């Protein structure tokens, strides 16, 4: 009986959803995109390719290292927003040594 009660207690615990917010950055200002990523910790940012407008481009962008998987580190990246073609954000990349010292 104790096992059944314990199993029911464990099963009834609700875990927070691990959903990630998605944003169409071409409709947002750069400041709004940066605030959204900072507020959410991680977000999917999406925009249309300039070379092929029917092709959506997207990736996961983060606030800091805490939102990267093990072995990955945040690195500067840029997305096109409503008010600028290069809005600075961060995305996780492999943490192996690379030769770009400025990031």
Protein backbone atom coordinates (compact mmCIF):
# COMPACT_ATOMS: atom_id res chain seq x y z
CA UNK A 1 0.00 0.00 0.00
CA UNK A 2 2.83 2.39 0.85
CA UNK A 3 4.34 1.80 -2.57
CA UNK A 4 1.08 2.74 -4.30
CA UNK A 5 0.72 5.94 -2.27
CA UNK A 6 4.36 6.84 -2.93
CA UNK A 7 3.93 6.20 -6.67
CA UNK A 8 0.80 8.35 -6.76
CA UNK A 9 2.57 11.18 -4.95
CA UNK A 10 5.48 11.07 -7.35
CA UNK A 11 3.18 10.91 -10.38
CA UNK A 12 1.05 13.81 -9.17
CA UNK A 13 3.96 16.22 -8.84
CA UNK A 14 3.72 18.67 -11.69
CA UNK A 15 6.98 19.63 -13.30
CA UNK A 16 7.39 23.03 -14.96
CA UNK A 17 7.10 22.94 -18.71
CA UNK A 18 10.42 23.23 -20.48
CA UNK A 19 8.99 25.35 -23.26
CA UNK A 20 11.17 27.91 -24.95
CA UNK A 21 9.80 31.16 -26.34
CA UNK A 22 10.09 31.86 -30.04
CA UNK A 23 10.35 35.33 -31.54
CA UNK A 24 10.18 36.71 -35.09
CA UNK A 25 13.02 39.22 -34.79
CA UNK A 26 12.17 41.10 -37.99
CA UNK A 27 9.12 42.55 -36.25
CA UNK A 28 11.07 43.57 -33.12
CA UNK A 29 13.62 46.25 -32.29
CA UNK A 30 17.12 45.19 -31.32
CA UNK A 31 16.54 46.35 -27.74
CA UNK A 32 13.34 44.28 -27.53
CA UNK A 33 15.14 41.16 -28.82
CA UNK A 34 17.97 41.60 -26.30
CA UNK A 35 15.47 42.17 -23.47
CA UNK A 36 13.50 39.05 -24.44
CA UNK A 37 16.61 36.85 -24.44
CA UNK A 38 17.77 38.39 -21.15
CA UNK A 39 14.33 37.92 -19.54
CA UNK A 40 13.79 34.35 -20.82
CA UNK A 41 17.38 33.15 -20.46
CA UNK A 42 17.10 31.32 -23.79
CA UNK A 43 14.92 31.87 -26.83
CA UNK A 44 14.51 30.74 -30.42
CA UNK A 45 15.03 33.73 -32.74
CA UNK A 46 13.66 33.44 -36.27
CA UNK A 47 13.87 35.52 -39.45
CA UNK A 48 13.58 35.10 -43.22
CA UNK A 49 16.66 34.60 -45.37
CA UNK A 50 17.53 37.62 -47.53
CA UNK A 51 18.80 35.37 -50.34
CA UNK A 52 15.74 33.12 -50.31
CA UNK A 53 12.75 34.80 -48.59
CA UNK A 54 10.83 31.52 -48.43
CA UNK A 55 13.58 30.06 -46.21
CA UNK A 56 13.22 30.67 -42.47
CA UNK A 57 16.42 30.90 -40.44
CA UNK A 58 16.43 30.27 -36.72
CA UNK A 59 18.66 29.29 -33.83
CA UNK A 60 18.69 29.20 -30.04
CA UNK A 61 20.17 32.26 -28.33
CA UNK A 62 21.04 32.61 -24.64
CA UNK A 63 21.66 35.11 -21.86
CA UNK A 64 24.81 33.43 -20.51
CA UNK A 65 26.73 30.18 -19.90
CA UNK A 66 24.08 28.83 -17.54
CA UNK A 67 21.77 28.31 -20.52
CA UNK A 68 24.31 26.40 -22.62
CA UNK A 69 24.66 22.62 -22.59
CA UNK A 70 27.73 21.05 -21.01
CA UNK A 71 30.83 21.65 -23.12
CA UNK A 72 29.34 24.69 -24.84
CA UNK A 73 29.98 28.38 -24.25
CA UNK A 74 28.13 31.53 -25.33
CA UNK A 75 29.62 33.40 -28.27
CA UNK A 76 28.63 36.66 -29.90
CA UNK A 77 26.22 36.37 -32.81
CA UNK A 78 24.11 38.81 -34.78
CA UNK A 79 20.51 38.70 -35.98
CA UNK A 80 18.62 41.12 -38.27
CA UNK A 81 15.93 43.09 -36.47
CA UNK A 82 13.42 45.73 -37.54
CA UNK A 83 15.82 48.58 -36.77
CA UNK A 84 19.26 47.10 -37.52
CA UNK A 85 20.82 44.41 -39.67
CA UNK A 86 23.18 43.29 -36.89
CA UNK A 87 21.69 43.05 -33.41
CA UNK A 88 24.18 41.47 -31.00
CA UNK A 89 23.04 38.38 -29.09
CA UNK A 90 24.77 35.19 -27.87
CA UNK A 91 24.44 31.58 -28.96
CA UNK A 92 26.02 28.42 -27.61
CA UNK A 93 28.94 26.92 -29.52
CA UNK A 94 31.36 24.10 -28.76
CA UNK A 95 33.73 25.13 -25.99
CA UNK A 96 36.79 23.70 -27.69
CA UNK A 97 39.71 25.99 -28.30
CA UNK A 98 39.39 28.24 -31.30
CA UNK A 99 41.61 30.98 -32.65
CA UNK A 100 39.14 33.85 -32.31
CA UNK A 101 40.39 35.59 -29.18
CA UNK A 102 38.05 38.61 -29.25
CA UNK A 103 34.84 36.77 -28.31
